[in-house]
PDB file of N, CA and C in Angstrom:
ATOM      1  N   MET A   1      18.391  -2.301 -16.754  1.00  0.00           N
ATOM      2  CA  MET A   1      17.359  -1.283 -15.774  1.00  0.00           C
ATOM      3  C   MET A   1      18.681  -1.214 -14.655  1.00  0.00           C
ATOM      4  N   ASP A   2      17.972  -0.284 -13.875  1.00  0.00           N
ATOM      5  CA  ASP A   2      18.916   0.647 -12.900  1.00  0.00           C
ATOM      6  C   ASP A   2      18.683   1.498 -11.982  1.00  0.00           C
ATOM      7  N   GLU A   3      19.328   1.433 -10.657  1.00  0.00           N
ATOM      8  CA  GLU A   3      18.315   1.854  -9.572  1.00  0.00           C
ATOM      9  C   GLU A   3      18.149   3.196  -9.924  1.00  0.00           C
ATOM     10  N   ILE A   4      18.350   4.174 -10.879  1.00  0.00           N
ATOM     11  CA  ILE A   4      17.470   5.403 -11.031  1.00  0.00           C
ATOM     12  C   ILE A   4      16.800   5.273 -11.679  1.00  0.00           C
ATOM     13  N   GLN A   5      16.123   4.130 -13.418  1.00  0.00           N
ATOM     14  CA  GLN A   5      15.053   3.989 -13.928  1.00  0.00           C
ATOM     15  C   GLN A   5      14.177   3.480 -12.795  1.00  0.00           C
ATOM     16  N   THR A   6      14.597   2.583 -11.905  1.00  0.00           N
ATOM     17  CA  THR A   6      13.627   2.735 -11.345  1.00  0.00           C
ATOM     18  C   THR A   6      13.127   2.596 -10.062  1.00  0.00           C
ATOM     19  N   ILE A   7      13.426   4.251  -9.808  1.00  0.00           N
ATOM     20  CA  ILE A   7      13.347   5.087  -8.880  1.00  0.00           C
ATOM     21  C   ILE A   7      11.914   5.802  -9.467  1.00  0.00           C
ATOM     22  N   SER A   8      12.376   6.383 -10.850  1.00  0.00           N
ATOM     23  CA  SER A   8      11.622   7.322 -11.863  1.00  0.00           C
ATOM     24  C   SER A   8      10.071   6.670 -11.502  1.00  0.00           C
ATOM     25  N   ALA A   9      10.136   4.734 -12.114  1.00  0.00           N
ATOM     26  CA  ALA A   9       8.986   4.400 -12.763  1.00  0.00           C
ATOM     27  C   ALA A   9       8.231   4.196 -11.218  1.00  0.00           C
ATOM     28  N   LEU A  10       9.113   3.697  -9.607  1.00  0.00           N
ATOM     29  CA  LEU A  10       8.247   3.659  -8.664  1.00  0.00           C
ATOM     30  C   LEU A  10       7.934   5.683  -8.163  1.00  0.00           C
ATOM     31  N   GLY A  11       8.605   6.507  -8.725  1.00  0.00           N
ATOM     32  CA  GLY A  11       7.378   7.757  -7.846  1.00  0.00           C
ATOM     33  C   GLY A  11       6.276   8.242  -9.215  1.00  0.00           C
ATOM     34  N   ALA A  12       7.144   7.811 -10.605  1.00  0.00           N
ATOM     35  CA  ALA A  12       5.948   7.878 -11.166  1.00  0.00           C
ATOM     36  C   ALA A  12       4.388   7.130 -11.105  1.00  0.00           C
ATOM     37  N   LEU A  13       4.402   5.947 -10.483  1.00  0.00           N
ATOM     38  CA  LEU A  13       3.248   5.516 -10.252  1.00  0.00           C
ATOM     39  C   LEU A  13       2.788   5.867  -8.465  1.00  0.00           C
ATOM     40  N   ALA A  14       3.737   6.814  -7.765  1.00  0.00           N
ATOM     41  CA  ALA A  14       3.387   6.862  -6.416  1.00  0.00           C
ATOM     42  C   ALA A  14       2.527   7.820  -5.990  1.00  0.00           C
ATOM     43  N   GLN A  15       1.762   7.889  -6.873  1.00  0.00           N
ATOM     44  CA  GLN A  15       0.620   9.119  -7.148  1.00  0.00           C
ATOM     45  C   GLN A  15      -1.340   8.500  -7.430  1.00  0.00           C
ATOM     46  N   PRO A  16      -2.196   8.558  -6.585  1.00  0.00           N
ATOM     47  CA  PRO A  16      -3.568   7.556  -7.494  1.00  0.00           C
ATOM     48  C   PRO A  16      -4.056   8.120  -8.420  1.00  0.00           C
ATOM     49  N   THR A  17      -4.299   9.348  -9.025  1.00  0.00           N
ATOM     50  CA  THR A  17      -4.509   9.022 -10.443  1.00  0.00           C
ATOM     51  C   THR A  17      -3.480   8.667 -11.127  1.00  0.00           C
ATOM     52  N   ARG A  18      -1.953   8.536 -11.640  1.00  0.00           N
ATOM     53  CA  ARG A  18      -0.944   7.941 -12.474  1.00  0.00           C
ATOM     54  C   ARG A  18      -1.465   6.829 -12.062  1.00  0.00           C
ATOM     55  N   LEU A  19      -1.420   6.461 -10.716  1.00  0.00           N
ATOM     56  CA  LEU A  19      -1.554   4.505 -10.208  1.00  0.00           C
ATOM     57  C   LEU A  19      -2.580   3.804 -11.316  1.00  0.00           C
ATOM     58  N   GLN A  20      -4.163   4.374 -11.230  1.00  0.00           N
ATOM     59  CA  GLN A  20      -5.285   4.343 -11.630  1.00  0.00           C
ATOM     60  C   GLN A  20      -5.235   3.918 -12.640  1.00  0.00           C
ATOM     61  N   ALA A  21      -4.536   5.168 -14.321  1.00  0.00           N
ATOM     62  CA  ALA A  21      -4.431   5.574 -15.160  1.00  0.00           C
ATOM     63  C   ALA A  21      -3.832   4.256 -15.414  1.00  0.00           C
ATOM     64  N   PHE A  22      -2.309   3.871 -15.218  1.00  0.00           N
ATOM     65  CA  PHE A  22      -1.324   2.667 -15.509  1.00  0.00           C
ATOM     66  C   PHE A  22      -2.459   1.063 -15.361  1.00  0.00           C
ATOM     67  N   ARG A  23      -2.887   1.181 -14.545  1.00  0.00           N
ATOM     68  CA  ARG A  23      -3.657  -0.035 -14.107  1.00  0.00           C
ATOM     69  C   ARG A  23      -4.804  -0.412 -15.802  1.00  0.00           C
ATOM     70  N   LEU A  24      -6.037   1.256 -15.729  1.00  0.00           N
ATOM     71  CA  LEU A  24      -6.711   0.920 -16.436  1.00  0.00           C
ATOM     72  C   LEU A  24      -5.873   0.667 -18.194  1.00  0.00           C
ATOM     73  N   LEU A  25      -4.240   1.490 -18.310  1.00  0.00           N
ATOM     74  CA  LEU A  25      -3.909   1.034 -19.425  1.00  0.00           C
ATOM     75  C   LEU A  25      -3.328  -0.176 -19.520  1.00  0.00           C
ATOM     76  N   VAL A  26      -2.982  -0.885 -18.260  1.00  0.00           N
ATOM     77  CA  VAL A  26      -3.095  -3.268 -18.227  1.00  0.00           C
ATOM     78  C   VAL A  26      -4.382  -3.558 -18.950  1.00  0.00           C
ATOM     79  N   GLU A  27      -5.008  -2.694 -18.302  1.00  0.00           N
ATOM     80  CA  GLU A  27      -6.952  -3.987 -18.368  1.00  0.00           C
ATOM     81  C   GLU A  27      -6.989  -3.827 -20.016  1.00  0.00           C
ATOM     82  N   ARG A  28      -6.894  -2.271 -20.547  1.00  0.00           N
ATOM     83  CA  ARG A  28      -6.938  -2.798 -22.026  1.00  0.00           C
ATOM     84  C   ARG A  28      -5.711  -2.847 -22.861  1.00  0.00           C
ATOM     85  N   GLU A  29      -4.885  -3.174 -22.395  1.00  0.00           N
ATOM     86  CA  GLU A  29      -3.831  -3.683 -23.502  1.00  0.00           C
ATOM     87  C   GLU A  29      -4.223  -4.791 -24.405  1.00  0.00           C
ATOM     88  N   PRO A  30      -4.244  -5.316 -25.703  1.00  0.00           N
ATOM     89  CA  PRO A  30      -2.796  -4.240 -26.324  1.00  0.00           C
ATOM     90  C   PRO A  30      -3.527  -3.016 -26.742  1.00  0.00           C
ATOM     91  N   GLU A  31      -4.766  -2.784 -27.082  1.00  0.00           N
ATOM     92  CA  GLU A  31      -5.436  -2.205 -27.694  1.00  0.00           C
ATOM     93  C   GLU A  31      -5.667  -0.239 -26.990  1.00  0.00           C
ATOM     94  N   GLY A  32      -5.269  -0.498 -25.582  1.00  0.00           N
ATOM     95  CA  GLY A  32      -4.596   1.148 -25.989  1.00  0.00           C
ATOM     96  C   GLY A  32      -6.283   2.457 -25.119  1.00  0.00           C
ATOM     97  N   VAL A  33      -5.662   3.226 -25.401  1.00  0.00           N
ATOM     98  CA  VAL A  33      -6.633   4.208 -24.686  1.00  0.00           C
ATOM     99  C   VAL A  33      -6.215   5.134 -25.402  1.00  0.00           C
ATOM    100  N   PRO A  34      -7.516   5.949 -25.496  1.00  0.00           N
ATOM    101  CA  PRO A  34      -7.296   7.784 -26.010  1.00  0.00           C
ATOM    102  C   PRO A  34      -6.841   8.516 -25.129  1.00  0.00           C
ATOM    103  N   ALA A  35      -6.118   9.451 -24.950  1.00  0.00           N
ATOM    104  CA  ALA A  35      -6.074  10.163 -23.804  1.00  0.00           C
ATOM    105  C   ALA A  35      -7.743  11.228 -23.152  1.00  0.00           C
ATOM    106  N   GLY A  36      -8.046  11.277 -24.241  1.00  0.00           N
ATOM    107  CA  GLY A  36      -9.374  11.958 -24.043  1.00  0.00           C
ATOM    108  C   GLY A  36      -9.963  10.925 -23.083  1.00  0.00           C
ATOM    109  N   GLU A  37     -10.182   9.690 -23.494  1.00  0.00           N
ATOM    110  CA  GLU A  37     -11.203   8.621 -22.830  1.00  0.00           C
ATOM    111  C   GLU A  37     -10.729   8.930 -21.208  1.00  0.00           C
ATOM    112  N   LEU A  38      -9.292   8.844 -21.071  1.00  0.00           N
ATOM    113  CA  LEU A  38      -8.497   7.610 -20.045  1.00  0.00           C
ATOM    114  C   LEU A  38      -8.973   8.736 -19.295  1.00  0.00           C
ATOM    115  N   ALA A  39      -9.341  10.194 -19.553  1.00  0.00           N
ATOM    116  CA  ALA A  39      -9.734  11.827 -18.427  1.00  0.00           C
ATOM    117  C   ALA A  39     -10.784  11.289 -18.604  1.00  0.00           C
ATOM    118  N   ARG A  40     -10.999  10.923 -19.144  1.00  0.00           N
ATOM    119  CA  ARG A  40     -12.965  10.734 -18.762  1.00  0.00           C
ATOM    120  C   ARG A  40     -13.394   9.812 -18.264  1.00  0.00           C
ATOM    121  N   LEU A  41     -12.267   8.460 -17.721  1.00  0.00           N
ATOM    122  CA  LEU A  41     -12.508   7.856 -17.346  1.00  0.00           C
ATOM    123  C   LEU A  41     -12.701   7.258 -16.081  1.00  0.00           C
ATOM    124  N   LEU A  42     -11.656   8.730 -15.887  1.00  0.00           N
ATOM    125  CA  LEU A  42     -10.891   9.085 -14.196  1.00  0.00           C
ATOM    126  C   LEU A  42     -11.422  10.057 -13.718  1.00  0.00           C
ATOM    127  N   GLY A  43     -12.579  10.311 -14.358  1.00  0.00           N
ATOM    128  CA  GLY A  43     -12.747  11.558 -13.689  1.00  0.00           C
ATOM    129  C   GLY A  43     -11.802  13.029 -13.609  1.00  0.00           C
ATOM    130  N   VAL A  44     -11.062  13.139 -14.378  1.00  0.00           N
ATOM    131  CA  VAL A  44     -10.005  14.410 -14.587  1.00  0.00           C
ATOM    132  C   VAL A  44      -9.943  14.657 -15.980  1.00  0.00           C
ATOM    133  N   PRO A  45      -9.806  16.437 -15.479  1.00  0.00           N
ATOM    134  CA  PRO A  45      -9.743  17.902 -16.217  1.00  0.00           C
ATOM    135  C   PRO A  45      -8.361  16.466 -17.094  1.00  0.00           C
ATOM    136  N   GLN A  46      -8.874  16.534 -18.667  1.00  0.00           N
ATOM    137  CA  GLN A  46      -7.358  16.098 -19.974  1.00  0.00           C
ATOM    138  C   GLN A  46      -6.540  16.909 -19.555  1.00  0.00           C
ATOM    139  N   ASN A  47      -6.506  18.922 -19.341  1.00  0.00           N
ATOM    140  CA  ASN A  47      -4.711  18.942 -18.996  1.00  0.00           C
ATOM    141  C   ASN A  47      -4.162  18.480 -17.701  1.00  0.00           C
ATOM    142  N   THR A  48      -4.403  17.963 -16.852  1.00  0.00           N
ATOM    143  CA  THR A  48      -4.248  17.603 -15.363  1.00  0.00           C
ATOM    144  C   THR A  48      -4.064  16.417 -16.359  1.00  0.00           C
ATOM    145  N   MET A  49      -4.471  15.365 -16.791  1.00  0.00           N
ATOM    146  CA  MET A  49      -4.015  13.925 -17.708  1.00  0.00           C
ATOM    147  C   MET A  49      -3.068  14.112 -18.009  1.00  0.00           C
ATOM    148  N   SER A  50      -3.029  15.300 -19.312  1.00  0.00           N
ATOM    149  CA  SER A  50      -2.073  15.165 -20.068  1.00  0.00           C
ATOM    150  C   SER A  50      -0.694  15.415 -19.132  1.00  0.00           C
ATOM    151  N   ALA A  51      -0.965  16.335 -18.514  1.00  0.00           N
ATOM    152  CA  ALA A  51       0.165  16.025 -16.908  1.00  0.00           C
ATOM    153  C   ALA A  51       0.475  14.861 -16.469  1.00  0.00           C
ATOM    154  N   HIS A  52       0.025  13.874 -16.085  1.00  0.00           N
ATOM    155  CA  HIS A  52      -0.071  12.793 -15.555  1.00  0.00           C
ATOM    156  C   HIS A  52       0.332  11.646 -16.854  1.00  0.00           C
ATOM    157  N   LEU A  53       0.301  11.639 -17.707  1.00  0.00           N
ATOM    158  CA  LEU A  53       0.857  10.766 -18.551  1.00  0.00           C
ATOM    159  C   LEU A  53       1.776  10.997 -19.411  1.00  0.00           C
ATOM    160  N   SER A  54       3.035  12.691 -19.618  1.00  0.00           N
ATOM    161  CA  SER A  54       3.852  12.619 -19.753  1.00  0.00           C
ATOM    162  C   SER A  54       4.843  12.312 -18.095  1.00  0.00           C
ATOM    163  N   ILE A  55       4.083  12.625 -17.408  1.00  0.00           N
ATOM    164  CA  ILE A  55       5.377  12.250 -16.144  1.00  0.00           C
ATOM    165  C   ILE A  55       5.187  10.381 -16.314  1.00  0.00           C
ATOM    166  N   LEU A  56       4.491   9.852 -16.542  1.00  0.00           N
ATOM    167  CA  LEU A  56       4.258   8.152 -16.894  1.00  0.00           C
ATOM    168  C   LEU A  56       5.238   7.745 -18.341  1.00  0.00           C
ATOM    169  N   ALA A  57       4.938   8.781 -18.687  1.00  0.00           N
ATOM    170  CA  ALA A  57       5.637   8.364 -20.920  1.00  0.00           C
ATOM    171  C   ALA A  57       7.436   9.052 -20.274  1.00  0.00           C
ATOM    172  N   ASN A  58       7.891   9.934 -19.532  1.00  0.00           N
ATOM    173  CA  ASN A  58       8.631   9.938 -18.967  1.00  0.00           C
ATOM    174  C   ASN A  58       9.556   9.276 -18.161  1.00  0.00           C
ATOM    175  N   ALA A  59       8.795   8.006 -17.395  1.00  0.00           N
ATOM    176  CA  ALA A  59       9.218   7.601 -17.093  1.00  0.00           C
ATOM    177  C   ALA A  59       9.528   5.705 -17.237  1.00  0.00           C
ATOM    178  N   GLY A  60       9.019   6.177 -18.622  1.00  0.00           N
ATOM    179  CA  GLY A  60       9.142   5.194 -19.694  1.00  0.00           C
ATOM    180  C   GLY A  60       8.019   3.896 -19.570  1.00  0.00           C
ATOM    181  N   LEU A  61       6.950   3.830 -18.386  1.00  0.00           N
ATOM    182  CA  LEU A  61       6.183   3.522 -18.675  1.00  0.00           C
ATOM    183  C   LEU A  61       4.863   3.083 -19.494  1.00  0.00           C
ATOM    184  N   ILE A  62       5.045   3.993 -20.376  1.00  0.00           N
ATOM    185  CA  ILE A  62       4.432   4.505 -20.811  1.00  0.00           C
ATOM    186  C   ILE A  62       4.088   4.600 -22.613  1.00  0.00           C
ATOM    187  N   GLY A  63       3.254   4.543 -23.150  1.00  0.00           N
ATOM    188  CA  GLY A  63       3.999   5.511 -24.842  1.00  0.00           C
ATOM    189  C   GLY A  63       2.392   5.840 -25.029  1.00  0.00           C
ATOM    190  N   GLY A  64       3.020   6.924 -26.259  1.00  0.00           N
ATOM    191  CA  GLY A  64       1.614   7.691 -26.700  1.00  0.00           C
ATOM    192  C   GLY A  64       2.012   7.560 -28.657  1.00  0.00           C
ATOM    193  N   VAL A  65       0.787   7.059 -29.447  1.00  0.00           N
ATOM    194  CA  VAL A  65       0.993   6.968 -30.675  1.00  0.00           C
ATOM    195  C   VAL A  65      -0.211   7.759 -31.194  1.00  0.00           C
ATOM    196  N   ARG A  66       0.342   9.615 -31.549  1.00  0.00           N
ATOM    197  CA  ARG A  66      -1.022  10.035 -32.972  1.00  0.00           C
ATOM    198  C   ARG A  66      -1.494   9.405 -33.480  1.00  0.00           C
ATOM    199  N   HIS A  67      -2.944   9.087 -33.140  1.00  0.00           N
ATOM    200  CA  HIS A  67      -3.930   8.510 -34.765  1.00  0.00           C
ATOM    201  C   HIS A  67      -4.790   9.577 -34.736  1.00  0.00           C
ATOM    202  N   SER A  68      -4.480   9.917 -35.916  1.00  0.00           N
ATOM    203  CA  SER A  68      -5.895  11.366 -36.339  1.00  0.00           C
ATOM    204  C   SER A  68      -5.460  12.740 -34.917  1.00  0.00           C
ATOM    205  N   ARG A  69      -6.435  12.918 -34.150  1.00  0.00           N
ATOM    206  CA  ARG A  69      -6.478  14.017 -34.035  1.00  0.00           C
ATOM    207  C   ARG A  69      -6.323  13.353 -32.527  1.00  0.00           C
ATOM    208  N   SER A  70      -6.479  12.549 -32.005  1.00  0.00           N
ATOM    209  CA  SER A  70      -6.028  11.537 -30.305  1.00  0.00           C
ATOM    210  C   SER A  70      -4.226  11.000 -29.962  1.00  0.00           C
ATOM    211  N   ILE A  71      -4.692  10.842 -29.103  1.00  0.00           N
ATOM    212  CA  ILE A  71      -2.975  10.098 -28.496  1.00  0.00           C
ATOM    213  C   ILE A  71      -3.624   8.656 -28.338  1.00  0.00           C
ATOM    214  N   ILE A  72      -3.090   8.321 -28.691  1.00  0.00           N
ATOM    215  CA  ILE A  72      -4.027   6.282 -27.894  1.00  0.00           C
ATOM    216  C   ILE A  72      -2.319   6.083 -27.156  1.00  0.00           C
ATOM    217  N   TYR A  73      -2.689   5.874 -25.361  1.00  0.00           N
ATOM    218  CA  TYR A  73      -1.342   5.918 -24.538  1.00  0.00           C
ATOM    219  C   TYR A  73      -1.263   3.887 -24.544  1.00  0.00           C
ATOM    220  N   ARG A  74       0.076   3.729 -24.682  1.00  0.00           N
ATOM    221  CA  ARG A  74      -0.717   1.578 -24.450  1.00  0.00           C
ATOM    222  C   ARG A  74       1.038   2.210 -22.731  1.00  0.00           C
ATOM    223  N   VAL A  75       0.732   0.524 -22.596  1.00  0.00           N
ATOM    224  CA  VAL A  75       1.919   0.578 -21.590  1.00  0.00           C
ATOM    225  C   VAL A  75       2.443  -0.390 -21.760  1.00  0.00           C
ATOM    226  N   ASP A  76       4.114   0.100 -21.391  1.00  0.00           N
ATOM    227  CA  ASP A  76       4.952  -0.868 -22.074  1.00  0.00           C
ATOM    228  C   ASP A  76       5.648  -1.537 -21.007  1.00  0.00           C
ATOM    229  N   LEU A  77       4.881  -3.222 -20.980  1.00  0.00           N
ATOM    230  CA  LEU A  77       4.856  -4.294 -20.325  1.00  0.00           C
ATOM    231  C   LEU A  77       5.960  -4.858 -19.794  1.00  0.00           C
ATOM    232  N   GLU A  78       6.887  -4.737 -21.026  1.00  0.00           N
ATOM    233  CA  GLU A  78       8.055  -5.041 -20.749  1.00  0.00           C
ATOM    234  C   GLU A  78       9.153  -3.656 -19.688  1.00  0.00           C
ATOM    235  N   ARG A  79       8.590  -3.141 -19.580  1.00  0.00           N
ATOM    236  CA  ARG A  79       9.307  -2.270 -19.229  1.00  0.00           C
ATOM    237  C   ARG A  79       9.103  -1.658 -17.707  1.00  0.00           C
ATOM    238  N   PHE A  80       7.624  -2.474 -17.575  1.00  0.00           N
ATOM    239  CA  PHE A  80       7.312  -2.753 -16.317  1.00  0.00           C
ATOM    240  C   PHE A  80       7.809  -3.917 -15.838  1.00  0.00           C
ATOM    241  N   ARG A  81       7.820  -4.752 -16.339  1.00  0.00           N
ATOM    242  CA  ARG A  81       8.373  -6.205 -16.094  1.00  0.00           C
ATOM    243  C   ARG A  81      10.057  -5.918 -15.582  1.00  0.00           C
ATOM    244  N   ALA A  82      10.699  -5.099 -16.584  1.00  0.00           N
ATOM    245  CA  ALA A  82      12.335  -5.406 -16.056  1.00  0.00           C
ATOM    246  C   ALA A  82      12.525  -4.444 -14.608  1.00  0.00           C
ATOM    247  N   VAL A  83      11.386  -3.464 -14.629  1.00  0.00           N
ATOM    248  CA  VAL A  83      11.142  -2.534 -12.543  1.00  0.00           C
ATOM    249  C   VAL A  83      11.041  -4.105 -12.272  1.00  0.00           C
ATOM    250  N   MET A  84      10.092  -4.489 -11.946  1.00  0.00           N
ATOM    251  CA  MET A  84       9.996  -5.337 -10.919  1.00  0.00           C
ATOM    252  C   MET A  84      10.706  -6.899 -11.101  1.00  0.00           C
ATOM    253  N   LEU A  85      11.166  -7.229 -12.247  1.00  0.00           N
ATOM    254  CA  LEU A  85      12.546  -7.995 -11.998  1.00  0.00           C
ATOM    255  C   LEU A  85      13.830  -7.363 -11.427  1.00  0.00           C
ATOM    256  N   TYR A  86      14.184  -6.361 -11.590  1.00  0.00           N
ATOM    257  CA  TYR A  86      15.239  -5.094 -10.689  1.00  0.00           C
ATOM    258  C   TYR A  86      15.012  -5.562  -9.562  1.00  0.00           C
ATOM    259  N   LEU A  87      13.479  -4.763  -8.543  1.00  0.00           N
ATOM    260  CA  LEU A  87      13.336  -5.429  -7.775  1.00  0.00           C
ATOM    261  C   LEU A  87      14.019  -6.487  -7.227  1.00  0.00           C
ATOM    262  N   LEU A  88      13.409  -7.927  -8.019  1.00  0.00           N
ATOM    263  CA  LEU A  88      12.969  -9.068  -7.550  1.00  0.00           C
ATOM    264  C   LEU A  88      14.296  -9.368  -7.771  1.00  0.00           C
ATOM    265  N   GLN A  89      15.047  -9.215  -7.814  1.00  0.00           N
ATOM    266  CA  GLN A  89      16.417  -9.827  -8.823  1.00  0.00           C
ATOM    267  C   GLN A  89      17.364 -10.233  -6.722  1.00  0.00           C
ATOM    268  N   ASP A  90      18.134 -11.105  -6.936  1.00  0.00           N
ATOM    269  CA  ASP A  90      18.646 -11.822  -6.277  1.00  0.00           C
ATOM    270  C   ASP A  90      17.625 -12.838  -5.251  1.00  0.00           C
ATOM    271  N   CYS A  91      16.391 -12.465  -5.812  1.00  0.00           N
ATOM    272  CA  CYS A  91      14.394 -12.534  -4.982  1.00  0.00           C
ATOM    273  C   CYS A  91      15.017 -14.380  -3.731  1.00  0.00           C
ATOM    274  N   CYS A  92      14.955 -14.255  -3.069  1.00  0.00           N
ATOM    275  CA  CYS A  92      15.065 -15.432  -1.862  1.00  0.00           C
ATOM    276  C   CYS A  92      16.546 -15.902  -2.444  1.00  0.00           C
ATOM    277  N   GLY A  93      17.386 -15.659  -2.656  1.00  0.00           N
ATOM    278  CA  GLY A  93      18.889 -16.187  -2.186  1.00  0.00           C
ATOM    279  C   GLY A  93      18.897 -17.201  -3.059  1.00  0.00           C
ATOM    280  N   GLY A  94      17.829 -17.492  -4.040  1.00  0.00           N
ATOM    281  CA  GLY A  94      17.859 -18.236  -5.414  1.00  0.00           C
ATOM    282  C   GLY A  94      16.825 -19.753  -4.871  1.00  0.00           C
ATOM    283  N   ASN A  95      16.340 -19.534  -3.491  1.00  0.00           N
ATOM    284  CA  ASN A  95      16.343 -20.514  -2.989  1.00  0.00           C
ATOM    285  C   ASN A  95      15.128 -20.812  -4.206  1.00  0.00           C
ATOM    286  N   ALA A  96      14.165 -21.239  -4.628  1.00  0.00           N
ATOM    287  CA  ALA A  96      13.039 -22.043  -5.459  1.00  0.00           C
ATOM    288  C   ALA A  96      11.580 -22.144  -4.106  1.00  0.00           C
ATOM    289  N   SER A  97      12.004 -22.295  -3.297  1.00  0.00           N
ATOM    290  CA  SER A  97      11.136 -22.622  -2.355  1.00  0.00           C
ATOM    291  C   SER A  97      10.425 -21.753  -1.946  1.00  0.00           C
ATOM    292  N   LEU A  98      11.532 -20.536  -1.591  1.00  0.00           N
ATOM    293  CA  LEU A  98      11.132 -19.482  -1.354  1.00  0.00           C
ATOM    294  C   LEU A  98      10.221 -18.645  -2.150  1.00  0.00           C
ATOM    295  N   CYS A  99      10.982 -18.739  -3.365  1.00  0.00           N
ATOM    296  CA  CYS A  99      10.579 -17.391  -4.228  1.00  0.00           C
ATOM    297  C   CYS A  99       9.258 -18.498  -4.578  1.00  0.00           C
ATOM    298  N   ALA A 100       8.906 -19.586  -5.287  1.00  0.00           N
ATOM    299  CA  ALA A 100       7.362 -19.877  -5.519  1.00  0.00           C
ATOM    300  C   ALA A 100       6.022 -19.674  -4.941  1.00  0.00           C
ATOM    301  N   PRO A 101       5.845 -19.049  -3.416  1.00  0.00           N
ATOM    302  CA  PRO A 101       4.896 -17.993  -3.062  1.00  0.00           C
ATOM    303  C   PRO A 101       4.827 -16.829  -3.867  1.00  0.00           C
ATOM    304  N   LEU A 102       5.693 -16.061  -3.866  1.00  0.00           N
ATOM    305  CA  LEU A 102       5.876 -14.671  -4.602  1.00  0.00           C
ATOM    306  C   LEU A 102       5.498 -14.275  -5.855  1.00  0.00           C
ATOM    307  N   ILE A 103       5.871 -16.013  -6.212  1.00  0.00           N
ATOM    308  CA  ILE A 103       5.449 -15.583  -8.174  1.00  0.00           C
ATOM    309  C   ILE A 103       3.681 -16.208  -7.970  1.00  0.00           C
ATOM    310  N   ALA A 104       3.998 -17.573  -7.089  1.00  0.00           N
ATOM    311  CA  ALA A 104       2.514 -17.635  -7.912  1.00  0.00           C
ATOM    312  C   ALA A 104       1.692 -16.056  -7.531  1.00  0.00           C
ATOM    313  N   ASP A 105       2.324 -15.199  -6.451  1.00  0.00           N
ATOM    314  CA  ASP A 105       0.961 -14.129  -5.658  1.00  0.00           C
ATOM    315  C   ASP A 105       1.465 -13.448  -7.302  1.00  0.00           C
ATOM    316  N   LEU A 106       2.254 -12.457  -7.517  1.00  0.00           N
ATOM    317  CA  LEU A 106       2.596 -12.136  -8.981  1.00  0.00           C
ATOM    318  C   LEU A 106       1.933 -12.423 -10.020  1.00  0.00           C
ATOM    319  N   THR A 107       1.650 -13.416 -10.145  1.00  0.00           N
ATOM    320  CA  THR A 107       0.473 -13.892 -11.462  1.00  0.00           C
ATOM    321  C   THR A 107      -0.754 -14.148 -11.760  1.00  0.00           C
ATOM    322  N   PRO A 108      -1.533 -13.941 -10.909  1.00  0.00           N
ATOM    323  CA  PRO A 108      -3.335 -14.365 -10.128  1.00  0.00           C
ATOM    324  C   PRO A 108      -4.111 -15.542 -11.522  1.00  0.00           C
ATOM    325  N   CYS A 109      -3.355 -13.927 -12.439  1.00  0.00           N
ATOM    326  CA  CYS A 109      -4.415 -14.527 -13.488  1.00  0.00           C
ATOM    327  C   CYS A 109      -3.576 -15.715 -14.435  1.00  0.00           C
ATOM    328  N   CYS A 110      -2.951 -15.539 -14.059  1.00  0.00           N
ATOM    329  CA  CYS A 110      -2.261 -16.548 -14.934  1.00  0.00           C
ATOM    330  C   CYS A 110      -0.646 -17.400 -14.589  1.00  0.00           C
ATOM    331  N   ALA A 111      -0.574 -18.057 -13.305  1.00  0.00           N
ATOM    332  CA  ALA A 111       0.143 -18.511 -11.981  1.00  0.00           C
ATOM    333  C   ALA A 111       0.840 -19.375 -13.086  1.00  0.00           C
ATOM    334  N   PRO A 112       2.413 -19.763 -12.900  1.00  0.00           N
ATOM    335  CA  PRO A 112       3.242 -20.281 -13.988  1.00  0.00           C
ATOM    336  C   PRO A 112       2.604 -22.027 -13.147  1.00  0.00           C
ATOM    337  N   GLU A 113       2.735 -23.261 -13.320  1.00  0.00           N
ATOM    338  CA  GLU A 113       2.968 -24.312 -12.595  1.00  0.00           C
ATOM    339  C   GLU A 113       3.394 -24.763 -11.958  1.00  0.00           C
ATOM    340  N   ILE A 114       3.982 -25.329 -11.076  1.00  0.00           N
ATOM    341  CA  ILE A 114       5.254 -25.792 -10.332  1.00  0.00           C
ATOM    342  C   ILE A 114       5.730 -26.868  -9.964  1.00  0.00           C
ATOM    343  N   SER A 115       6.321 -27.830 -10.508  1.00  0.00           N
ATOM    344  CA  SER A 115       6.672 -29.117  -9.830  1.00  0.00           C
ATOM    345  C   SER A 115       7.221 -28.962  -8.486  1.00  0.00           C
ATOM    346  N   THR A 116       6.922 -30.274  -7.962  1.00  0.00           N
ATOM    347  CA  THR A 116       7.718 -30.964  -7.153  1.00  0.00           C
ATOM    348  C   THR A 116       9.575 -30.324  -7.547  1.00  0.00           C
ATOM    349  N   ALA A 117      10.080 -30.595  -9.003  1.00  0.00           N
ATOM    350  CA  ALA A 117      10.710 -31.133  -9.270  1.00  0.00           C
ATOM    351  C   ALA A 117      11.751 -29.519  -8.863  1.00  0.00           C
ATOM    352  N   ASP A 118      10.840 -28.245  -9.431  1.00  0.00           N
ATOM    353  CA  ASP A 118      11.279 -27.026  -8.865  1.00  0.00           C
ATOM    354  C   ASP A 118      11.477 -26.328  -7.814  1.00  0.00           C
ATOM    355  N   VAL A 119      10.603 -26.975  -6.835  1.00  0.00           N
ATOM    356  CA  VAL A 119      10.519 -26.535  -5.482  1.00  0.00           C
ATOM    357  C   VAL A 119      12.679 -27.255  -4.991  1.00  0.00           C
ATOM    358  N   ASN A 120      12.073 -28.250  -4.782  1.00  0.00           N
ATOM    359  CA  ASN A 120      13.437 -29.184  -4.818  1.00  0.00           C
ATOM    360  C   ASN A 120      14.782 -29.292  -4.759  1.00  0.00           C
TER     361      ASN A 120
END
């Protein structure tokens, strides 16, 4: 991951409909969501949704697979992980006690257990 790729990903998410679509796709992992259903769920015309999905796909955040007449979109969680890691590179100067609260905040559904040995 580099600066240009990170800016592209963040730019793709910097629009309300695209951010909502991305979050919905995260919720629906690993099944994915057909493009038409995404448009319906978000109350967006299908051609507008197509444009938003194209921007997210070009940024590498999502991908689509054709199934019959539908395209099923899924989040590329590994790519999103790479973006987040790029942003957090050299987090807290390597001081685990400073990073632990940030990591806990970023993982509310499955927070890692941090032992006192990790903090010291």
